[in-house]
Amino acid sequence: MDVWVLVPIPDNISPLTLKWIFKNKHDEEQTVIRNKSRLVVRGWRQEEGLDFEESFSPVARMEAIRIFLAYA
């Protein structure tokens, strides 16, 4: 499954940075019942037509990362 290819970063371009977002889910009594997290990209440095043809959401859910790592 060749989904993507890693390429070296050009000298004049900085890579996109990532950030973890954490959120607590509460029940009716405001007791924490679940901790949720997601991985998001900081900033927007892509240009339509040059870097991509379709738009996408730069967010990875923790469940998706776990599944990916389980198959790795």
PDB file of N, CA and C in Angstrom:
ATOM      1  N   MET A   1       0.836  -1.184   0.000  1.00  0.00           N
ATOM      2  CA  MET A   1       0.000   0.000   0.000  1.00  0.00           C
ATOM      3  C   MET A   1       0.878   1.243   0.000  1.00  0.00           C
ATOM      4  N   ASP A   2       1.269   1.696  -1.160  1.00  0.00           N
ATOM      5  CA  ASP A   2       2.063   2.919  -1.274  1.00  0.00           C
ATOM      6  C   ASP A   2       1.124   4.120  -1.301  1.00  0.00           C
ATOM      7  N   VAL A   3       0.752   4.578  -0.110  1.00  0.00           N
ATOM      8  CA  VAL A   3      -0.178   5.695  -0.014  1.00  0.00           C
ATOM      9  C   VAL A   3       0.555   7.018  -0.186  1.00  0.00           C
ATOM     10  N   TRP A   4       1.734   7.147   0.393  1.00  0.00           N
ATOM     11  CA  TRP A   4       2.519   8.363   0.251  1.00  0.00           C
ATOM     12  C   TRP A   4       3.994   8.013   0.172  1.00  0.00           C
ATOM     13  N   VAL A   5       4.773   9.007  -0.222  1.00  0.00           N
ATOM     14  CA  VAL A   5       6.218   8.840  -0.349  1.00  0.00           C
ATOM     15  C   VAL A   5       6.879   9.962   0.444  1.00  0.00           C
ATOM     16  N   LEU A   6       7.817   9.618   1.316  1.00  0.00           N
ATOM     17  CA  LEU A   6       8.555  10.631   2.062  1.00  0.00           C
ATOM     18  C   LEU A   6       9.612  11.254   1.163  1.00  0.00           C
ATOM     19  N   VAL A   7       9.662  12.573   1.159  1.00  0.00           N
ATOM     20  CA  VAL A   7      10.633  13.300   0.349  1.00  0.00           C
ATOM     21  C   VAL A   7      11.389  14.261   1.261  1.00  0.00           C
ATOM     22  N   PRO A   8      12.613  14.633   0.918  1.00  0.00           N
ATOM     23  CA  PRO A   8      13.350  15.596   1.744  1.00  0.00           C
ATOM     24  C   PRO A   8      12.706  16.982   1.672  1.00  0.00           C
ATOM     25  N   ILE A   9      12.825  17.731   2.762  1.00  0.00           N
ATOM     26  CA  ILE A   9      12.251  19.076   2.831  1.00  0.00           C
ATOM     27  C   ILE A   9      13.189  20.047   2.125  1.00  0.00           C
ATOM     28  N   PRO A  10      12.675  20.876   1.204  1.00  0.00           N
ATOM     29  CA  PRO A  10      13.522  21.890   0.566  1.00  0.00           C
ATOM     30  C   PRO A  10      14.033  22.902   1.596  1.00  0.00           C
ATOM     31  N   ASP A  11      15.147  23.535   1.299  1.00  0.00           N
ATOM     32  CA  ASP A  11      15.767  24.472   2.239  1.00  0.00           C
ATOM     33  C   ASP A  11      14.909  25.706   2.499  1.00  0.00           C
ATOM     34  N   ASN A  12      14.142  26.156   1.514  1.00  0.00           N
ATOM     35  CA  ASN A  12      13.397  27.408   1.653  1.00  0.00           C
ATOM     36  C   ASN A  12      11.985  27.209   2.197  1.00  0.00           C
ATOM     37  N   ILE A  13      11.617  25.993   2.600  1.00  0.00           N
ATOM     38  CA  ILE A  13      10.265  25.719   3.085  1.00  0.00           C
ATOM     39  C   ILE A  13      10.355  25.095   4.474  1.00  0.00           C
ATOM     40  N   SER A  14       9.511  25.603   5.391  1.00  0.00           N
ATOM     41  CA  SER A  14       9.450  24.998   6.724  1.00  0.00           C
ATOM     42  C   SER A  14       8.267  24.027   6.763  1.00  0.00           C
ATOM     43  N   PRO A  15       8.418  22.909   7.458  1.00  0.00           N
ATOM     44  CA  PRO A  15       7.333  21.919   7.498  1.00  0.00           C
ATOM     45  C   PRO A  15       6.167  22.394   8.364  1.00  0.00           C
ATOM     46  N   LEU A  16       5.019  21.769   8.185  1.00  0.00           N
ATOM     47  CA  LEU A  16       3.863  22.076   9.017  1.00  0.00           C
ATOM     48  C   LEU A  16       4.104  21.544  10.424  1.00  0.00           C
ATOM     49  N   THR A  17       3.682  22.300  11.423  1.00  0.00           N
ATOM     50  CA  THR A  17       3.840  21.869  12.805  1.00  0.00           C
ATOM     51  C   THR A  17       2.529  21.267  13.302  1.00  0.00           C
ATOM     52  N   LEU A  18       2.622  20.420  14.309  1.00  0.00           N
ATOM     53  CA  LEU A  18       1.457  19.729  14.847  1.00  0.00           C
ATOM     54  C   LEU A  18       1.185  20.178  16.273  1.00  0.00           C
ATOM     55  N   LYS A  19      -0.051  19.960  16.700  1.00  0.00           N
ATOM     56  CA  LYS A  19      -0.447  20.344  18.046  1.00  0.00           C
ATOM     57  C   LYS A  19      -1.505  19.361  18.542  1.00  0.00           C
ATOM     58  N   TRP A  20      -1.384  18.920  19.795  1.00  0.00           N
ATOM     59  CA  TRP A  20      -2.388  18.049  20.399  1.00  0.00           C
ATOM     60  C   TRP A  20      -3.441  18.915  21.081  1.00  0.00           C
ATOM     61  N   ILE A  21      -4.720  18.606  20.846  1.00  0.00           N
ATOM     62  CA  ILE A  21      -5.839  19.287  21.496  1.00  0.00           C
ATOM     63  C   ILE A  21      -6.496  18.276  22.437  1.00  0.00           C
ATOM     64  N   PHE A  22      -6.664  18.648  23.698  1.00  0.00           N
ATOM     65  CA  PHE A  22      -7.276  17.770  24.695  1.00  0.00           C
ATOM     66  C   PHE A  22      -8.583  18.384  25.170  1.00  0.00           C
ATOM     67  N   LYS A  23      -9.599  17.543  25.363  1.00  0.00           N
ATOM     68  CA  LYS A  23     -10.902  18.009  25.816  1.00  0.00           C
ATOM     69  C   LYS A  23     -11.507  16.964  26.746  1.00  0.00           C
ATOM     70  N   ASN A  24     -12.099  17.417  27.853  1.00  0.00           N
ATOM     71  CA  ASN A  24     -12.770  16.522  28.792  1.00  0.00           C
ATOM     72  C   ASN A  24     -14.257  16.512  28.490  1.00  0.00           C
ATOM     73  N   LYS A  25     -14.846  15.318  28.436  1.00  0.00           N
ATOM     74  CA  LYS A  25     -16.288  15.178  28.264  1.00  0.00           C
ATOM     75  C   LYS A  25     -16.907  14.992  29.643  1.00  0.00           C
ATOM     76  N   HIS A  26     -18.027  15.679  29.900  1.00  0.00           N
ATOM     77  CA  HIS A  26     -18.686  15.656  31.200  1.00  0.00           C
ATOM     78  C   HIS A  26     -20.085  15.070  31.071  1.00  0.00           C
ATOM     79  N   ASP A  27     -20.589  14.519  32.190  1.00  0.00           N
ATOM     80  CA  ASP A  27     -21.973  14.066  32.211  1.00  0.00           C
ATOM     81  C   ASP A  27     -22.851  15.190  32.758  1.00  0.00           C
ATOM     82  N   GLU A  28     -24.117  14.869  33.090  1.00  0.00           N
ATOM     83  CA  GLU A  28     -25.056  15.895  33.560  1.00  0.00           C
ATOM     84  C   GLU A  28     -24.624  16.528  34.873  1.00  0.00           C
ATOM     85  N   GLU A  29     -23.884  15.789  35.679  1.00  0.00           N
ATOM     86  CA  GLU A  29     -23.437  16.290  36.982  1.00  0.00           C
ATOM     87  C   GLU A  29     -22.051  16.928  36.908  1.00  0.00           C
ATOM     88  N   GLN A  30     -21.562  17.177  35.697  1.00  0.00           N
ATOM     89  CA  GLN A  30     -20.258  17.794  35.445  1.00  0.00           C
ATOM     90  C   GLN A  30     -19.096  16.944  35.944  1.00  0.00           C
ATOM     91  N   THR A  31     -19.281  15.642  36.005  1.00  0.00           N
ATOM     92  CA  THR A  31     -18.207  14.717  36.333  1.00  0.00           C
ATOM     93  C   THR A  31     -17.517  14.310  35.041  1.00  0.00           C
ATOM     94  N   VAL A  32     -16.196  14.292  35.070  1.00  0.00           N
ATOM     95  CA  VAL A  32     -15.446  13.919  33.867  1.00  0.00           C
ATOM     96  C   VAL A  32     -15.680  12.444  33.592  1.00  0.00           C
ATOM     97  N   ILE A  33     -16.206  12.145  32.403  1.00  0.00           N
ATOM     98  CA  ILE A  33     -16.468  10.751  32.047  1.00  0.00           C
ATOM     99  C   ILE A  33     -15.516  10.252  30.969  1.00  0.00           C
ATOM    100  N   ARG A  34     -14.872  11.170  30.265  1.00  0.00           N
ATOM    101  CA  ARG A  34     -14.013  10.750  29.158  1.00  0.00           C
ATOM    102  C   ARG A  34     -13.053  11.873  28.793  1.00  0.00           C
ATOM    103  N   ASN A  35     -11.832  11.509  28.473  1.00  0.00           N
ATOM    104  CA  ASN A  35     -10.848  12.459  27.960  1.00  0.00           C
ATOM    105  C   ASN A  35     -10.689  12.205  26.468  1.00  0.00           C
ATOM    106  N   LYS A  36     -10.843  13.249  25.660  1.00  0.00           N
ATOM    107  CA  LYS A  36     -10.695  13.094  24.215  1.00  0.00           C
ATOM    108  C   LYS A  36      -9.488  13.906  23.755  1.00  0.00           C
ATOM    109  N   SER A  37      -8.822  13.413  22.741  1.00  0.00           N
ATOM    110  CA  SER A  37      -7.667  14.132  22.202  1.00  0.00           C
ATOM    111  C   SER A  37      -7.662  13.993  20.696  1.00  0.00           C
ATOM    112  N   ARG A  38      -7.048  14.968  20.033  1.00  0.00           N
ATOM    113  CA  ARG A  38      -6.897  14.914  18.579  1.00  0.00           C
ATOM    114  C   ARG A  38      -5.629  15.653  18.183  1.00  0.00           C
ATOM    115  N   LEU A  39      -5.096  15.280  17.050  1.00  0.00           N
ATOM    116  CA  LEU A  39      -3.869  15.869  16.527  1.00  0.00           C
ATOM    117  C   LEU A  39      -4.244  16.794  15.382  1.00  0.00           C
ATOM    118  N   VAL A  40      -3.864  18.075  15.467  1.00  0.00           N
ATOM    119  CA  VAL A  40      -4.217  19.046  14.436  1.00  0.00           C
ATOM    120  C   VAL A  40      -2.955  19.718  13.904  1.00  0.00           C
ATOM    121  N   VAL A  41      -3.070  20.278  12.722  1.00  0.00           N
ATOM    122  CA  VAL A  41      -1.966  20.998  12.088  1.00  0.00           C
ATOM    123  C   VAL A  41      -2.096  22.470  12.433  1.00  0.00           C
ATOM    124  N   ARG A  42      -0.996  23.087  12.814  1.00  0.00           N
ATOM    125  CA  ARG A  42      -0.997  24.522  13.090  1.00  0.00           C
ATOM    126  C   ARG A  42      -0.815  25.287  11.790  1.00  0.00           C
ATOM    127  N   GLY A  43      -1.594  26.319  11.626  1.00  0.00           N
ATOM    128  CA  GLY A  43      -1.434  27.172  10.452  1.00  0.00           C
ATOM    129  C   GLY A  43      -1.997  26.556   9.191  1.00  0.00           C
ATOM    130  N   TRP A  44      -1.918  27.296   8.111  1.00  0.00           N
ATOM    131  CA  TRP A  44      -2.413  26.858   6.814  1.00  0.00           C
ATOM    132  C   TRP A  44      -1.427  27.354   5.782  1.00  0.00           C
ATOM    133  N   ARG A  45      -0.620  26.457   5.247  1.00  0.00           N
ATOM    134  CA  ARG A  45       0.431  26.855   4.312  1.00  0.00           C
ATOM    135  C   ARG A  45       0.278  26.203   2.952  1.00  0.00           C
ATOM    136  N   GLN A  46      -0.887  25.665   2.663  1.00  0.00           N
ATOM    137  CA  GLN A  46      -1.083  24.994   1.389  1.00  0.00           C
ATOM    138  C   GLN A  46      -1.856  25.891   0.432  1.00  0.00           C
ATOM    139  N   GLU A  47      -1.593  25.728  -0.852  1.00  0.00           N
ATOM    140  CA  GLU A  47      -2.300  26.483  -1.875  1.00  0.00           C
ATOM    141  C   GLU A  47      -3.064  25.515  -2.761  1.00  0.00           C
ATOM    142  N   GLU A  48      -4.340  25.812  -2.990  1.00  0.00           N
ATOM    143  CA  GLU A  48      -5.172  24.938  -3.805  1.00  0.00           C
ATOM    144  C   GLU A  48      -4.649  24.904  -5.235  1.00  0.00           C
ATOM    145  N   GLY A  49      -4.585  23.731  -5.796  1.00  0.00           N
ATOM    146  CA  GLY A  49      -4.078  23.554  -7.148  1.00  0.00           C
ATOM    147  C   GLY A  49      -2.590  23.269  -7.184  1.00  0.00           C
ATOM    148  N   LEU A  50      -1.842  23.773  -6.206  1.00  0.00           N
ATOM    149  CA  LEU A  50      -0.403  23.534  -6.135  1.00  0.00           C
ATOM    150  C   LEU A  50      -0.100  22.360  -5.199  1.00  0.00           C
ATOM    151  N   ASP A  51      -0.616  22.413  -3.980  1.00  0.00           N
ATOM    152  CA  ASP A  51      -0.351  21.379  -2.989  1.00  0.00           C
ATOM    153  C   ASP A  51      -1.444  20.310  -2.921  1.00  0.00           C
ATOM    154  N   PHE A  52      -2.652  20.644  -3.337  1.00  0.00           N
ATOM    155  CA  PHE A  52      -3.747  19.680  -3.270  1.00  0.00           C
ATOM    156  C   PHE A  52      -4.817  20.060  -4.287  1.00  0.00           C
ATOM    157  N   GLU A  53      -5.647  19.088  -4.610  1.00  0.00           N
ATOM    158  CA  GLU A  53      -6.777  19.325  -5.510  1.00  0.00           C
ATOM    159  C   GLU A  53      -8.084  19.388  -4.736  1.00  0.00           C
ATOM    160  N   GLU A  54      -8.191  18.625  -3.663  1.00  0.00           N
ATOM    161  CA  GLU A  54      -9.387  18.623  -2.836  1.00  0.00           C
ATOM    162  C   GLU A  54      -9.019  19.090  -1.440  1.00  0.00           C
ATOM    163  N   SER A  55      -9.968  19.700  -0.741  1.00  0.00           N
ATOM    164  CA  SER A  55      -9.703  20.119   0.627  1.00  0.00           C
ATOM    165  C   SER A  55      -9.856  18.929   1.563  1.00  0.00           C
ATOM    166  N   PHE A  56      -9.234  19.015   2.724  1.00  0.00           N
ATOM    167  CA  PHE A  56      -9.281  17.948   3.710  1.00  0.00           C
ATOM    168  C   PHE A  56      -9.233  18.560   5.097  1.00  0.00           C
ATOM    169  N   SER A  57      -9.582  17.784   6.066  1.00  0.00           N
ATOM    170  CA  SER A  57      -9.525  18.216   7.452  1.00  0.00           C
ATOM    171  C   SER A  57      -8.201  17.764   8.055  1.00  0.00           C
ATOM    172  N   PRO A  58      -7.338  18.692   8.494  1.00  0.00           N
ATOM    173  CA  PRO A  58      -6.035  18.305   9.034  1.00  0.00           C
ATOM    174  C   PRO A  58      -6.116  17.845  10.494  1.00  0.00           C
ATOM    175  N   VAL A  59      -7.012  16.903  10.761  1.00  0.00           N
ATOM    176  CA  VAL A  59      -7.240  16.428  12.119  1.00  0.00           C
ATOM    177  C   VAL A  59      -7.150  14.911  12.136  1.00  0.00           C
ATOM    178  N   ALA A  60      -6.470  14.372  13.105  1.00  0.00           N
ATOM    179  CA  ALA A  60      -6.413  12.920  13.288  1.00  0.00           C
ATOM    180  C   ALA A  60      -6.987  12.593  14.658  1.00  0.00           C
ATOM    181  N   ARG A  61      -8.005  11.765  14.687  1.00  0.00           N
ATOM    182  CA  ARG A  61      -8.595  11.357  15.956  1.00  0.00           C
ATOM    183  C   ARG A  61      -7.712  10.308  16.617  1.00  0.00           C
ATOM    184  N   MET A  62      -7.744  10.277  17.945  1.00  0.00           N
ATOM    185  CA  MET A  62      -6.903   9.348  18.693  1.00  0.00           C
ATOM    186  C   MET A  62      -7.219   7.902  18.323  1.00  0.00           C
ATOM    187  N   GLU A  63      -8.498   7.594  18.070  1.00  0.00           N
ATOM    188  CA  GLU A  63      -8.878   6.235  17.688  1.00  0.00           C
ATOM    189  C   GLU A  63      -8.229   5.854  16.360  1.00  0.00           C
ATOM    190  N   ALA A  64      -8.170   6.793  15.422  1.00  0.00           N
ATOM    191  CA  ALA A  64      -7.556   6.513  14.119  1.00  0.00           C
ATOM    192  C   ALA A  64      -6.056   6.272  14.263  1.00  0.00           C
ATOM    193  N   ILE A  65      -5.400   7.017  15.139  1.00  0.00           N
ATOM    194  CA  ILE A  65      -3.963   6.838  15.354  1.00  0.00           C
ATOM    195  C   ILE A  65      -3.696   5.481  15.997  1.00  0.00           C
ATOM    196  N   ARG A  66      -4.559   5.080  16.945  1.00  0.00           N
ATOM    197  CA  ARG A  66      -4.398   3.764  17.576  1.00  0.00           C
ATOM    198  C   ARG A  66      -4.541   2.645  16.554  1.00  0.00           C
ATOM    199  N   ILE A  67      -5.532   2.751  15.676  1.00  0.00           N
ATOM    200  CA  ILE A  67      -5.732   1.729  14.645  1.00  0.00           C
ATOM    201  C   ILE A  67      -4.532   1.679  13.713  1.00  0.00           C
ATOM    202  N   PHE A  68      -4.039   2.848  13.309  1.00  0.00           N
ATOM    203  CA  PHE A  68      -2.877   2.910  12.427  1.00  0.00           C
ATOM    204  C   PHE A  68      -1.660   2.254  13.081  1.00  0.00           C
ATOM    205  N   LEU A  69      -1.425   2.557  14.355  1.00  0.00           N
ATOM    206  CA  LEU A  69      -0.273   1.989  15.053  1.00  0.00           C
ATOM    207  C   LEU A  69      -0.447   0.493  15.307  1.00  0.00           C
ATOM    208  N   ALA A  70      -1.680   0.045  15.457  1.00  0.00           N
ATOM    209  CA  ALA A  70      -1.915  -1.382  15.672  1.00  0.00           C
ATOM    210  C   ALA A  70      -1.558  -2.190  14.431  1.00  0.00           C
ATOM    211  N   TYR A  71      -1.789  -1.627  13.249  1.00  0.00           N
ATOM    212  CA  TYR A  71      -1.474  -2.320  12.006  1.00  0.00           C
ATOM    213  C   TYR A  71      -0.023  -2.147  11.582  1.00  0.00           C
ATOM    214  N   ALA A  72       0.703  -1.215  12.203  1.00  0.00           N
ATOM    215  CA  ALA A  72       2.099  -0.962  11.820  1.00  0.00           C
ATOM    216  C   ALA A  72       3.033  -2.034  12.330  1.00  0.00           C
TER     217      ALA A  72
END
